[in-house]
């Protein structure tokens, strides 16, 4: 910790000198100090861990290929980086592990590798593994053929904040197994828990999808692989712009994807802000909370993304080249030429009552959702800002879930002249169709200011206005569900121990459990049994739809509270 304290002391001295030497540029002083105290090259490698022993133990070695699947997490302390000579924020661009023994047979290689990283203020791993860490490296095969340091060049640099401890997760999934690769590791004193792991030889699992349950025996939690961290030096000028990249789709089905930048600056001292826009010319809007080198998000419409990369010392920013993320399954983009406050200020339908600022030109509120029951009537109310003109407002709900807003799915919300945060003109009474598909779909609300009395379409470009998207979940009308009557030859009962099924004549083949939106939540093929209990579906005190397939093809459905 000595170098860190020295740096802080000299920083205080600078503060005292500034009133006397006001003409000295702060940025130059800080850059000189950082380079002087750290003596950094463009990149420098630091070894964390001085262990000399070799281990091939499951969990301790990420490549313990005696099992097909492994998910290991290791903690590396900030103090270790300080002591190694790196005591500022920095970008990790590669990691390396010292291989001391190869796995057998010689054809056995680690497969389907992912390296995930994160930061924590905790000083020990556990009791469980940390979930949802971002992926910084991915490969289908690691061709490890020699002993020594094996390096993983990260696909995206990992930005270390300079003070939190680092968690490194290495997970893999092999199609075959054999003897394990050994790695050089350090054994910490008893009580210092630096490793957690989950592993299995069951080929039906994927190593990187194993649960957060830590099954590593306590005798091994103090052993951690020695690891080399290659770090970059601080920036001192305008960063180099790169190309925005995205992980493989699909992109508009509710699943998350990861944005990153290729071929841009990777020095330390950089800060980031991700932005989005309905078109490549803007207006660009900062994405709240998206301040990492990468960004994980989801969307319902095709959207342009870019990253603003700033060298903090030089106070200079570059915008990386934007990327359109879209394709099959994406709703059309609502384009607006001008950026202003002519737009939507409130949308209210069932449990959604959302007030907004009437800008930017498009806002994705699909994280907000409400349930609409088939063959019921609901009211939709919209407020708008007009800035003195006349606004015309429409809404659409994609009842048939074909990613297109059709005329039959539209609702006129009226027109209004003048005023701020005023009703659009009509409060719509919406009849939810009996044939509306069950499950989640998109509702779009759009207002446009027009001198020609034209109502907006869901997609065409307009001069002034705004569009907002929301999620509505179509559910079955419980009073008119079209299930077959409950059969006397099958008994279904539920208690705290589970859901119990007993057939009187025909054997049970399959059991499915749905929520009221029609989403399949549980499925089990039971293999022609007359009596069975489901104990691995947890109770939630809500209404479920149970469907049972019998051996003769007959299907029986029942609603239960569980």
Protein backbone atom coordinates (compact mmCIF):
# COMPACT_ATOMS: atom_id res chain seq x y z
CA UNK A 1 0.00 0.00 0.00
CA UNK A 2 3.13 2.30 0.25
CA UNK A 3 2.93 3.58 -3.32
CA UNK A 4 -0.74 4.45 -2.99
CA UNK A 5 -0.10 6.53 0.13
CA UNK A 6 2.82 8.27 -1.58
CA UNK A 7 0.65 9.18 -4.55
CA UNK A 8 -2.10 10.61 -2.33
CA UNK A 9 0.43 12.67 -0.32
CA UNK A 10 1.88 14.24 -3.44
CA UNK A 11 -1.61 14.96 -4.75
CA UNK A 12 -2.21 17.04 -1.61
CA UNK A 13 1.03 18.92 -2.27
CA UNK A 14 -0.19 19.81 -5.75
CA UNK A 15 -3.37 21.27 -4.27
CA UNK A 16 -1.28 23.54 -2.03
CA UNK A 17 0.89 24.73 -4.93
CA UNK A 18 -1.96 25.57 -7.31
CA UNK A 19 -2.82 28.99 -5.82
CA UNK A 20 0.83 30.05 -6.33
CA UNK A 21 1.28 28.54 -9.79
CA UNK A 22 -2.13 29.06 -11.36
CA UNK A 23 -0.72 28.95 -14.87
CA UNK A 24 0.35 25.30 -14.50
CA UNK A 25 -2.04 23.02 -16.31
CA UNK A 26 -3.53 20.49 -13.92
CA UNK A 27 -3.70 17.81 -16.57
CA UNK A 28 0.04 17.99 -17.32
CA UNK A 29 0.98 17.76 -13.66
CA UNK A 30 -1.24 14.75 -13.07
CA UNK A 31 0.02 12.96 -16.18
CA UNK A 32 3.65 13.49 -15.17
CA UNK A 33 2.96 12.21 -11.68
CA UNK A 34 1.15 9.13 -12.90
CA UNK A 35 3.91 8.25 -15.32
CA UNK A 36 6.63 9.00 -12.76
CA UNK A 37 5.20 6.97 -9.91
CA UNK A 38 4.07 4.00 -11.96
CA UNK A 39 6.75 3.97 -14.67
CA UNK A 40 4.19 2.42 -17.01
CA UNK A 41 4.87 1.32 -20.54
CA UNK A 42 2.13 1.13 -23.18
CA UNK A 43 1.24 -2.18 -21.52
CA UNK A 44 2.68 -3.84 -18.46
CA UNK A 45 2.08 -7.28 -16.97
CA UNK A 46 1.65 -7.91 -13.25
CA UNK A 47 1.69 -11.37 -11.65
CA UNK A 48 -0.75 -11.83 -8.77
CA UNK A 49 0.03 -14.86 -6.63
CA UNK A 50 3.44 -16.27 -5.72
CA UNK A 51 2.44 -19.88 -5.16
CA UNK A 52 4.81 -22.62 -6.31
CA UNK A 53 2.55 -25.66 -5.92
CA UNK A 54 0.55 -27.24 -8.76
CA UNK A 55 -3.10 -28.25 -8.45
CA UNK A 56 -5.48 -30.07 -10.78
CA UNK A 57 -8.32 -30.06 -8.25
CA UNK A 58 -11.87 -29.51 -9.48
CA UNK A 59 -12.72 -25.85 -8.99
CA UNK A 60 -9.16 -24.77 -8.19
CA UNK A 61 -7.98 -25.54 -11.72
CA UNK A 62 -10.42 -24.01 -14.23
CA UNK A 63 -9.30 -26.75 -16.63
CA UNK A 64 -9.93 -29.74 -14.35
CA UNK A 65 -11.15 -31.79 -17.30
CA UNK A 66 -11.82 -34.84 -15.16
CA UNK A 67 -15.33 -33.33 -15.32
CA UNK A 68 -17.02 -32.05 -18.46
CA UNK A 69 -18.40 -28.86 -16.90
CA UNK A 70 -16.80 -26.36 -14.56
CA UNK A 71 -17.54 -22.84 -13.32
CA UNK A 72 -14.84 -21.34 -11.07
CA UNK A 73 -14.56 -17.87 -9.55
CA UNK A 74 -11.41 -16.38 -8.04
CA UNK A 75 -10.82 -13.18 -6.06
CA UNK A 76 -7.76 -11.02 -6.78
CA UNK A 77 -7.20 -8.20 -4.31
CA UNK A 78 -6.63 -4.56 -5.23
CA UNK A 79 -3.80 -4.56 -2.70
CA UNK A 80 -2.02 -7.21 -4.76
CA UNK A 81 -2.02 -4.87 -7.77
CA UNK A 82 -0.79 -2.00 -5.58
CA UNK A 83 2.05 -4.14 -4.26
CA UNK A 84 2.90 -5.26 -7.79
CA UNK A 85 3.35 -1.62 -8.81
CA UNK A 86 0.01 -0.65 -10.36
CA UNK A 87 -1.94 1.76 -8.15
CA UNK A 88 -4.23 3.70 -10.47
CA UNK A 89 -7.31 2.85 -12.48
CA UNK A 90 -6.52 0.75 -15.52
CA UNK A 91 -7.81 -1.45 -18.30
CA UNK A 92 -7.04 -5.15 -18.16
CA UNK A 93 -6.42 -6.30 -21.74
CA UNK A 94 -5.29 -9.88 -21.12
CA UNK A 95 -5.05 -12.58 -18.45
CA UNK A 96 -2.67 -15.53 -18.23
CA UNK A 97 -2.54 -18.77 -16.19
CA UNK A 98 0.59 -20.88 -15.61
CA UNK A 99 -0.06 -24.41 -16.93
CA UNK A 100 2.14 -26.96 -15.13
CA UNK A 101 0.71 -30.24 -16.46
CA UNK A 102 -1.31 -31.04 -19.60
CA UNK A 103 -4.51 -33.02 -19.55
CA UNK A 104 -4.74 -36.50 -21.04
CA UNK A 105 -5.39 -37.82 -23.60
CA UNK A 106 -3.37 -35.29 -25.60
CA UNK A 107 -6.41 -34.58 -27.77
CA UNK A 108 -8.30 -33.30 -24.72
CA UNK A 109 -8.53 -29.48 -24.76
CA UNK A 110 -10.65 -27.01 -22.78
CA UNK A 111 -13.78 -26.22 -24.82
CA UNK A 112 -16.48 -23.53 -24.86
CA UNK A 113 -14.57 -21.17 -22.61
CA UNK A 114 -15.92 -17.93 -21.18
CA UNK A 115 -14.08 -15.49 -18.93
CA UNK A 116 -16.29 -13.19 -16.91
CA UNK A 117 -15.10 -10.38 -14.65
CA UNK A 118 -16.49 -8.02 -12.05
CA UNK A 119 -15.53 -5.92 -9.02
CA UNK A 120 -16.51 -6.15 -5.37
CA UNK A 121 -15.83 -4.48 -2.03
CA UNK A 122 -15.98 -7.88 -0.34
CA UNK A 123 -12.76 -9.55 0.73
CA UNK A 124 -13.85 -13.17 0.38
CA UNK A 125 -15.70 -15.35 -2.08
CA UNK A 126 -19.01 -16.94 -1.24
CA UNK A 127 -20.99 -18.35 0.27
CA UNK A 128 -22.26 -18.68 -3.34
CA UNK A 129 -20.86 -17.77 -6.72
CA UNK A 130 -21.54 -14.26 -8.01
CA UNK A 131 -24.16 -14.26 -10.78
CA UNK A 132 -24.56 -12.25 -13.99
CA UNK A 133 -20.95 -11.18 -14.47
CA UNK A 134 -20.23 -9.71 -17.94
CA UNK A 135 -18.34 -11.83 -20.48
CA UNK A 136 -14.95 -10.44 -21.56
CA UNK A 137 -13.59 -13.45 -23.43
CA UNK A 138 -15.18 -16.34 -25.29
CA UNK A 139 -13.83 -19.19 -27.41
CA UNK A 140 -14.92 -22.61 -28.61
CA UNK A 141 -11.53 -24.30 -28.05
CA UNK A 142 -8.26 -23.53 -26.25
CA UNK A 143 -5.40 -25.40 -27.93
CA UNK A 144 -3.13 -25.68 -24.89
CA UNK A 145 -0.14 -27.78 -25.99
CA UNK A 146 2.77 -26.43 -23.91
CA UNK A 147 3.57 -25.81 -20.26
CA UNK A 148 3.98 -22.25 -19.03
CA UNK A 149 1.94 -19.08 -19.07
CA UNK A 150 -1.11 -19.38 -21.34
CA UNK A 151 -2.58 -16.00 -22.29
CA UNK A 152 -6.19 -15.00 -22.96
CA UNK A 153 -6.44 -11.70 -24.87
CA UNK A 154 -9.76 -10.24 -23.78
CA UNK A 155 -12.35 -9.47 -26.45
CA UNK A 156 -13.27 -6.33 -24.48
CA UNK A 157 -10.89 -4.60 -22.03
CA UNK A 158 -11.94 -4.80 -18.38
CA UNK A 159 -11.97 -1.35 -16.75
CA UNK A 160 -10.66 -1.59 -13.18
CA UNK A 161 -11.66 1.32 -10.93
CA UNK A 162 -8.43 1.33 -8.95
CA UNK A 163 -9.75 0.31 -5.55
CA UNK A 164 -12.22 -2.60 -5.64
CA UNK A 165 -11.18 -6.24 -5.63
CA UNK A 166 -11.53 -8.18 -8.89
CA UNK A 167 -13.57 -11.36 -9.42
CA UNK A 168 -12.48 -13.54 -12.36
CA UNK A 169 -14.80 -16.33 -13.48
CA UNK A 170 -13.59 -19.02 -15.88
CA UNK A 171 -16.23 -21.47 -17.07
CA UNK A 172 -16.18 -24.18 -19.71
CA UNK A 173 -18.16 -27.10 -21.11
CA UNK A 174 -16.34 -30.10 -22.63
CA UNK A 175 -17.86 -32.80 -24.80
CA UNK A 176 -15.45 -35.36 -23.33
CA UNK A 177 -13.33 -35.74 -20.20
CA UNK A 178 -10.04 -37.27 -19.03
CA UNK A 179 -7.25 -36.30 -16.64
CA UNK A 180 -7.06 -32.65 -15.62
CA UNK A 181 -4.74 -29.78 -16.54
CA UNK A 182 -2.71 -28.61 -13.54
CA UNK A 183 -2.10 -24.93 -12.80
CA UNK A 184 0.32 -23.15 -10.50
CA UNK A 185 -1.55 -21.72 -7.54
CA UNK A 186 -1.14 -19.99 -4.20
CA UNK A 187 -2.54 -21.38 -0.97
CA UNK A 188 -3.80 -18.63 1.32
CA UNK A 189 -4.00 -18.91 5.13
CA UNK A 190 -6.98 -20.72 6.62
CA UNK A 191 -10.05 -18.47 6.67
CA UNK A 192 -9.14 -16.50 3.53
CA UNK A 193 -11.77 -17.70 1.05
CA UNK A 194 -10.54 -16.80 -2.43
CA UNK A 195 -12.17 -19.47 -4.63
CA UNK A 196 -15.71 -20.75 -5.27
CA UNK A 197 -16.86 -23.29 -7.84
CA UNK A 198 -19.62 -25.47 -9.23
CA UNK A 199 -18.94 -28.46 -11.49
CA UNK A 200 -20.51 -31.62 -12.85
CA UNK A 201 -19.72 -34.41 -15.28
CA UNK A 202 -23.35 -34.54 -16.45
CA UNK A 203 -23.25 -33.83 -20.20
CA UNK A 204 -26.79 -32.44 -20.16
CA UNK A 205 -25.49 -29.30 -18.40
CA UNK A 206 -23.50 -26.34 -19.70
CA UNK A 207 -20.65 -25.25 -17.47
CA UNK A 208 -21.27 -21.53 -17.90
CA UNK A 209 -24.95 -22.00 -17.01
CA UNK A 210 -24.39 -23.89 -13.77
CA UNK A 211 -26.15 -22.41 -10.75
CA UNK A 212 -24.54 -20.08 -8.21
CA UNK A 213 -24.35 -22.92 -5.68
CA UNK A 214 -20.80 -23.24 -4.36
CA UNK A 215 -19.91 -26.94 -3.97
CA UNK A 216 -16.15 -26.51 -3.52
CA UNK A 217 -15.01 -28.34 -0.36
CA UNK A 218 -13.73 -26.00 2.37
CA UNK A 219 -10.26 -27.52 2.16
CA UNK A 220 -9.84 -26.05 -1.35
CA UNK A 221 -11.37 -22.55 -1.00
CA UNK A 222 -7.99 -21.06 0.03
CA UNK A 223 -6.26 -22.16 -3.20
CA UNK A 224 -6.21 -19.76 -6.16
CA UNK A 225 -4.37 -19.88 -9.50
CA UNK A 226 -1.49 -17.45 -9.97
CA UNK A 227 -2.65 -15.04 -12.66
CA UNK A 228 -0.97 -12.43 -14.83
CA UNK A 229 -2.88 -9.20 -15.49
CA UNK A 230 -1.73 -7.11 -18.45
CA UNK A 231 -2.74 -3.46 -17.91
CA UNK A 232 -2.58 -0.36 -20.10
CA UNK A 233 -1.13 3.07 -19.26
CA UNK A 234 -3.19 6.28 -18.75
CA UNK A 235 -4.42 8.22 -21.76
CA UNK A 236 -3.11 11.76 -22.33
CA UNK A 237 -4.95 12.89 -25.48
CA UNK A 238 -8.13 12.42 -27.48
CA UNK A 239 -8.95 8.69 -27.62
CA UNK A 240 -8.97 6.74 -30.87
CA UNK A 241 -12.48 5.98 -32.08
CA UNK A 242 -13.53 2.42 -32.81
CA UNK A 243 -16.39 0.46 -34.38
CA UNK A 244 -19.42 -0.44 -32.28
CA UNK A 245 -20.00 -4.22 -32.23
CA UNK A 246 -22.76 -6.46 -30.90
CA UNK A 247 -23.04 -10.10 -29.87
CA UNK A 248 -25.06 -12.51 -32.00
CA UNK A 249 -28.84 -11.96 -32.14
CA UNK A 250 -31.82 -12.18 -32.32
CA UNK A 251 -32.23 -8.68 -30.93
CA UNK A 252 -35.91 -7.87 -30.45
CA UNK A 253 -37.34 -10.90 -28.68
CA UNK A 254 -36.71 -9.66 -25.15
CA UNK A 255 -33.33 -11.37 -24.80
CA UNK A 256 -30.29 -9.34 -23.74
CA UNK A 257 -27.32 -8.64 -26.01
CA UNK A 258 -23.95 -7.00 -25.36
CA UNK A 259 -22.54 -3.93 -27.10
CA UNK A 260 -18.80 -3.28 -27.23
CA UNK A 261 -16.27 -1.33 -29.30
CA UNK A 262 -13.54 -2.82 -31.48
CA UNK A 263 -10.24 -1.18 -32.46
CA UNK A 264 -10.72 1.82 -30.17
CA UNK A 265 -8.47 3.17 -27.41
CA UNK A 266 -7.90 0.81 -24.50
CA UNK A 267 -5.73 2.97 -22.22
CA UNK A 268 -6.63 3.53 -18.62
CA UNK A 269 -8.06 6.89 -17.58
CA UNK A 270 -10.97 6.53 -20.00
CA UNK A 271 -14.63 6.96 -19.10
CA UNK A 272 -17.61 5.89 -21.17
CA UNK A 273 -21.20 6.83 -21.95
CA UNK A 274 -23.39 4.72 -24.25
CA UNK A 275 -25.97 6.52 -26.37
CA UNK A 276 -28.93 5.46 -28.53
CA UNK A 277 -30.89 7.01 -31.37
CA UNK A 278 -33.68 5.99 -33.75
CA UNK A 279 -31.42 6.96 -36.69
CA UNK A 280 -27.73 7.45 -37.38
CA UNK A 281 -27.98 11.25 -37.48
CA UNK A 282 -29.43 11.57 -33.98
CA UNK A 283 -30.67 13.02 -31.80
CA UNK A 284 -28.45 10.90 -29.55
CA UNK A 285 -29.57 10.30 -25.99
CA UNK A 286 -27.44 9.09 -23.08
CA UNK A 287 -28.54 5.67 -21.82
CA UNK A 288 -28.97 5.97 -18.06
CA UNK A 289 -26.41 3.93 -16.15
CA UNK A 290 -24.58 2.77 -19.30
CA UNK A 291 -21.10 3.94 -18.31
CA UNK A 292 -19.00 0.78 -18.71
CA UNK A 293 -16.76 -0.16 -21.64
CA UNK A 294 -19.49 -2.59 -22.69
CA UNK A 295 -23.29 -2.34 -22.36
CA UNK A 296 -25.84 -5.12 -21.87
CA UNK A 297 -29.37 -4.22 -22.98
CA UNK A 298 -32.49 -5.40 -24.80
CA UNK A 299 -34.89 -3.68 -27.19
CA UNK A 300 -38.15 -4.01 -29.08
CA UNK A 301 -37.32 -1.84 -32.11
CA UNK A 302 -34.28 -1.48 -34.36
CA UNK A 303 -31.99 1.07 -32.70
CA UNK A 304 -28.67 2.80 -33.42
CA UNK A 305 -26.02 2.68 -30.67
CA UNK A 306 -22.68 4.38 -30.16
CA UNK A 307 -20.26 5.00 -27.30
CA UNK A 308 -18.74 8.28 -26.19
CA UNK A 309 -15.18 7.62 -24.99
CA UNK A 310 -13.52 10.36 -22.92
CA UNK A 311 -9.92 10.74 -21.79
CA UNK A 312 -10.56 12.26 -18.38
CA UNK A 313 -7.13 13.87 -17.98
CA UNK A 314 -7.30 15.56 -21.40
CA UNK A 315 -11.06 16.29 -21.12
CA UNK A 316 -11.41 15.14 -24.71
CA UNK A 317 -14.12 12.87 -26.15
CA UNK A 318 -14.49 10.78 -29.29
CA UNK A 319 -17.72 9.16 -30.51
CA UNK A 320 -17.22 5.62 -31.76
CA UNK A 321 -18.77 4.69 -35.11
CA UNK A 322 -22.49 3.87 -34.60
CA UNK A 323 -24.18 0.55 -35.29
CA UNK A 324 -27.78 -0.30 -36.19
CA UNK A 325 -29.00 -3.28 -34.16
CA UNK A 326 -32.10 -4.78 -35.78
CA UNK A 327 -33.27 -7.60 -37.99
CA UNK A 328 -36.12 -10.10 -37.93
CA UNK A 329 -38.52 -9.69 -35.05
CA UNK A 330 -37.83 -5.98 -34.56
CA UNK A 331 -40.62 -3.44 -34.69
CA UNK A 332 -40.23 -0.51 -37.06
CA UNK A 333 -38.40 2.62 -35.92
CA UNK A 334 -40.37 5.82 -35.30
CA UNK A 335 -38.29 8.58 -36.88
CA UNK A 336 -38.60 12.27 -35.93
CA UNK A 337 -36.69 15.02 -37.76
CA UNK A 338 -36.56 17.67 -35.02
CA UNK A 339 -35.59 17.26 -31.39
CA UNK A 340 -37.79 19.36 -29.09
CA UNK A 341 -40.35 19.02 -26.28
CA UNK A 342 -43.34 18.38 -28.54
CA UNK A 343 -44.29 14.93 -27.34
CA UNK A 344 -45.94 12.63 -24.80
CA UNK A 345 -46.04 13.50 -21.10
CA UNK A 346 -48.18 10.69 -19.68
CA UNK A 347 -49.56 7.28 -20.68
CA UNK A 348 -52.12 5.54 -18.50
CA UNK A 349 -53.58 2.05 -19.08
CA UNK A 350 -54.50 -0.38 -16.30
CA UNK A 351 -51.52 -0.52 -13.88
CA UNK A 352 -49.26 1.63 -16.10
CA UNK A 353 -49.36 5.34 -15.22
CA UNK A 354 -46.13 6.72 -16.65
CA UNK A 355 -45.17 10.40 -16.78
CA UNK A 356 -42.24 11.44 -18.96
CA UNK A 357 -40.50 14.58 -20.22
CA UNK A 358 -41.94 14.59 -23.81
CA UNK A 359 -38.44 14.08 -25.22
CA UNK A 360 -36.44 12.41 -26.80
CA UNK A 361 -38.21 11.52 -30.05
CA UNK A 362 -38.50 7.86 -29.04
CA UNK A 363 -38.45 6.19 -25.62
CA UNK A 364 -38.41 2.47 -24.90
CA UNK A 365 -40.63 1.92 -21.86
CA UNK A 366 -41.10 -1.81 -22.52
CA UNK A 367 -39.77 -2.55 -19.04
CA UNK A 368 -43.15 -1.22 -17.87
CA UNK A 369 -45.95 -3.72 -18.40
CA UNK A 370 -49.56 -4.41 -17.50
CA UNK A 371 -51.96 -7.31 -18.03
CA UNK A 372 -54.95 -7.08 -20.40
CA UNK A 373 -57.56 -9.83 -20.15
CA UNK A 374 -59.21 -11.17 -23.30
CA UNK A 375 -62.75 -9.91 -23.99
CA UNK A 376 -62.57 -7.08 -21.48
CA UNK A 377 -62.61 -3.32 -22.04
CA UNK A 378 -59.77 -1.12 -20.79
CA UNK A 379 -59.22 2.64 -21.00
CA UNK A 380 -56.14 4.29 -22.49
CA UNK A 381 -55.38 7.94 -21.71
CA UNK A 382 -52.52 10.02 -23.14
CA UNK A 383 -51.28 13.51 -22.24
CA UNK A 384 -49.09 15.59 -24.58
CA UNK A 385 -47.08 18.80 -24.92
CA UNK A 386 -48.07 20.96 -27.92
CA UNK A 387 -45.79 24.04 -27.65
CA UNK A 388 -48.65 26.08 -29.13
CA UNK A 389 -49.43 23.87 -32.13
CA UNK A 390 -51.95 21.07 -32.75
CA UNK A 391 -51.03 17.50 -31.84
CA UNK A 392 -52.60 14.38 -33.38
CA UNK A 393 -52.18 11.18 -31.36
CA UNK A 394 -52.55 7.47 -32.15
CA UNK A 395 -51.96 4.16 -30.36
CA UNK A 396 -51.43 0.60 -31.58
CA UNK A 397 -51.40 -2.80 -29.84
CA UNK A 398 -49.90 -5.75 -31.73
CA UNK A 399 -52.66 -8.24 -30.89
CA UNK A 400 -51.39 -10.96 -33.26
CA UNK A 401 -47.73 -10.50 -32.22
CA UNK A 402 -46.39 -10.36 -35.78
CA UNK A 403 -44.04 -7.40 -35.03
CA UNK A 404 -46.19 -5.11 -37.19
CA UNK A 405 -48.71 -2.44 -36.21
CA UNK A 406 -51.71 -2.93 -38.49
CA UNK A 407 -54.65 -0.62 -39.15
CA UNK A 408 -57.00 -3.01 -37.35
CA UNK A 409 -54.78 -2.69 -34.27
CA UNK A 410 -54.89 1.14 -34.16
CA UNK A 411 -56.75 3.52 -31.85
CA UNK A 412 -57.41 7.22 -32.48
CA UNK A 413 -56.49 9.23 -29.39
CA UNK A 414 -57.73 12.56 -30.77
CA UNK A 415 -56.23 16.00 -31.36
CA UNK A 416 -55.58 18.98 -29.12
CA UNK A 417 -54.41 22.55 -29.80
CA UNK A 418 -52.22 24.42 -27.32
CA UNK A 419 -51.21 23.53 -23.81
CA UNK A 420 -48.66 21.58 -21.84
CA UNK A 421 -49.37 18.14 -20.35
CA UNK A 422 -52.93 18.19 -21.72
CA UNK A 423 -55.11 15.24 -22.70
CA UNK A 424 -54.66 14.17 -26.31
CA UNK A 425 -58.36 14.74 -27.00
CA UNK A 426 -59.89 11.27 -26.57
CA UNK A 427 -59.77 8.69 -23.80
CA UNK A 428 -59.99 5.42 -25.74
CA UNK A 429 -62.07 2.44 -24.63
CA UNK A 430 -60.17 -0.58 -25.95
CA UNK A 431 -61.84 -3.97 -26.37
CA UNK A 432 -59.27 -6.75 -25.96
CA UNK A 433 -60.05 -9.25 -28.76
CA UNK A 434 -60.93 -12.84 -27.88
CA UNK A 435 -58.42 -13.99 -30.50
CA UNK A 436 -55.54 -11.83 -29.19
CA UNK A 437 -52.52 -14.08 -28.71
CA UNK A 438 -51.64 -14.83 -25.11
CA UNK A 439 -48.39 -13.46 -23.76
CA UNK A 440 -46.34 -10.28 -24.02
CA UNK A 441 -46.72 -7.86 -26.91
CA UNK A 442 -45.98 -4.20 -27.67
CA UNK A 443 -48.21 -1.14 -27.40
CA UNK A 444 -46.98 1.98 -29.22
CA UNK A 445 -48.26 5.49 -28.52
CA UNK A 446 -47.30 8.30 -30.93
CA UNK A 447 -48.11 11.99 -31.15
CA UNK A 448 -47.34 14.27 -34.10
CA UNK A 449 -47.72 17.99 -34.66
CA UNK A 450 -49.24 18.55 -38.06
CA UNK A 451 -50.59 21.59 -39.92
CA UNK A 452 -52.44 19.32 -42.36
CA UNK A 453 -54.59 17.49 -39.78
CA UNK A 454 -52.75 14.21 -40.41
CA UNK A 455 -52.62 11.52 -37.76
CA UNK A 456 -49.23 9.77 -37.49
CA UNK A 457 -48.50 6.27 -38.73
CA UNK A 458 -46.54 3.94 -36.44
CA UNK A 459 -43.34 4.14 -38.48
CA UNK A 460 -43.13 6.98 -41.03
CA UNK A 461 -40.86 9.96 -40.33
CA UNK A 462 -42.53 13.07 -38.90
CA UNK A 463 -41.24 16.61 -38.35
CA UNK A 464 -42.15 17.01 -34.66
CA UNK A 465 -43.45 14.59 -32.06
CA UNK A 466 -42.62 11.50 -30.05
CA UNK A 467 -43.28 7.75 -29.81
CA UNK A 468 -43.24 5.54 -26.72
CA UNK A 469 -43.39 1.73 -26.55
CA UNK A 470 -44.81 -0.29 -23.65
CA UNK A 471 -45.37 -3.99 -22.92
CA UNK A 472 -48.86 -5.42 -22.42
CA UNK A 473 -49.41 -9.03 -21.38
CA UNK A 474 -52.52 -10.68 -22.83
CA UNK A 475 -54.11 -13.13 -20.37
CA UNK A 476 -56.98 -15.59 -20.58
CA UNK A 477 -60.43 -14.50 -19.42
CA UNK A 478 -60.88 -16.76 -16.41
CA UNK A 479 -64.66 -16.68 -16.63
CA UNK A 480 -64.73 -18.17 -20.14
CA UNK A 481 -61.62 -20.38 -20.37
CA UNK A 482 -62.08 -23.04 -23.03
CA UNK A 483 -60.69 -25.95 -21.03
CA UNK A 484 -62.23 -29.39 -21.04
CA UNK A 485 -64.15 -30.20 -17.86
CA UNK A 486 -62.09 -31.79 -15.11
CA UNK A 487 -62.11 -35.54 -15.55
CA UNK A 488 -63.03 -37.98 -12.78
CA UNK A 489 -60.30 -40.37 -13.89
CA UNK A 490 -57.54 -37.95 -12.78
CA UNK A 491 -57.00 -36.42 -9.36
CA UNK A 492 -54.86 -33.28 -8.99
CA UNK A 493 -54.13 -31.90 -5.52
CA UNK A 494 -51.59 -29.40 -4.16
CA UNK A 495 -50.09 -28.82 -0.73
CA UNK A 496 -46.83 -27.51 0.73
CA UNK A 497 -45.03 -30.69 -0.35
CA UNK A 498 -45.85 -30.26 -4.06
CA UNK A 499 -48.49 -30.93 -6.72
CA UNK A 500 -49.81 -34.49 -6.74
CA UNK A 501 -51.34 -36.43 -9.65
CA UNK A 502 -53.18 -39.77 -9.51
CA UNK A 503 -54.75 -41.45 -12.55
CA UNK A 504 -57.64 -43.89 -12.15
CA UNK A 505 -57.46 -45.70 -15.52
CA UNK A 506 -55.06 -44.23 -18.10
CA UNK A 507 -51.37 -43.56 -17.32
CA UNK A 508 -49.92 -40.05 -17.29
CA UNK A 509 -47.36 -39.25 -20.00
CA UNK A 510 -46.59 -35.54 -19.63
CA UNK A 511 -47.32 -32.66 -17.24
CA UNK A 512 -47.09 -28.96 -18.20
CA UNK A 513 -47.66 -25.86 -16.06
CA UNK A 514 -48.50 -22.47 -17.62
CA UNK A 515 -48.96 -19.01 -16.15
CA UNK A 516 -52.08 -17.04 -17.06
CA UNK A 517 -50.35 -15.31 -19.98
CA UNK A 518 -49.86 -18.71 -21.62
CA UNK A 519 -46.12 -18.95 -20.95
CA UNK A 520 -44.83 -22.47 -20.33
CA UNK A 521 -43.23 -22.46 -16.88
CA UNK A 522 -42.65 -26.18 -16.26
CA UNK A 523 -42.65 -29.40 -18.29
CA UNK A 524 -41.98 -33.00 -17.27
CA UNK A 525 -42.22 -36.22 -19.25
CA UNK A 526 -43.17 -38.81 -16.64
CA UNK A 527 -43.08 -42.04 -18.65
CA UNK A 528 -46.54 -43.61 -18.29
CA UNK A 529 -47.02 -43.38 -14.53
CA UNK A 530 -50.28 -43.76 -12.66
CA UNK A 531 -49.22 -41.62 -9.72
CA UNK A 532 -46.58 -38.90 -9.42
CA UNK A 533 -45.73 -35.83 -7.33
CA UNK A 534 -44.07 -32.66 -8.67
CA UNK A 535 -41.82 -31.29 -5.92
CA UNK A 536 -39.37 -29.15 -7.93
CA UNK A 537 -41.90 -26.47 -8.96
CA UNK A 538 -41.88 -23.91 -6.18
CA UNK A 539 -45.19 -22.55 -4.79
CA UNK A 540 -45.93 -18.87 -5.38
CA UNK A 541 -49.53 -18.51 -4.14
CA UNK A 542 -50.90 -17.70 -7.59
CA UNK A 543 -53.17 -19.22 -10.22
CA UNK A 544 -51.61 -21.74 -12.64
CA UNK A 545 -52.91 -23.75 -15.59
CA UNK A 546 -52.07 -27.47 -15.33
CA UNK A 547 -52.19 -29.56 -18.53
CA UNK A 548 -51.83 -33.34 -18.36
CA UNK A 549 -51.32 -35.66 -21.36
CA UNK A 550 -52.62 -39.20 -20.88
CA UNK A 551 -51.39 -42.32 -22.67
CA UNK A 552 -54.32 -42.35 -25.13
CA UNK A 553 -53.58 -38.78 -26.30
CA UNK A 554 -56.31 -37.23 -24.17
CA UNK A 555 -55.37 -33.86 -22.64
CA UNK A 556 -56.86 -32.64 -19.37
CA UNK A 557 -56.50 -29.07 -18.08
CA UNK A 558 -57.23 -27.57 -14.70
CA UNK A 559 -56.59 -24.26 -12.94
CA UNK A 560 -55.12 -24.49 -9.45
CA UNK A 561 -53.76 -22.04 -6.90
CA UNK A 562 -50.24 -22.99 -5.84
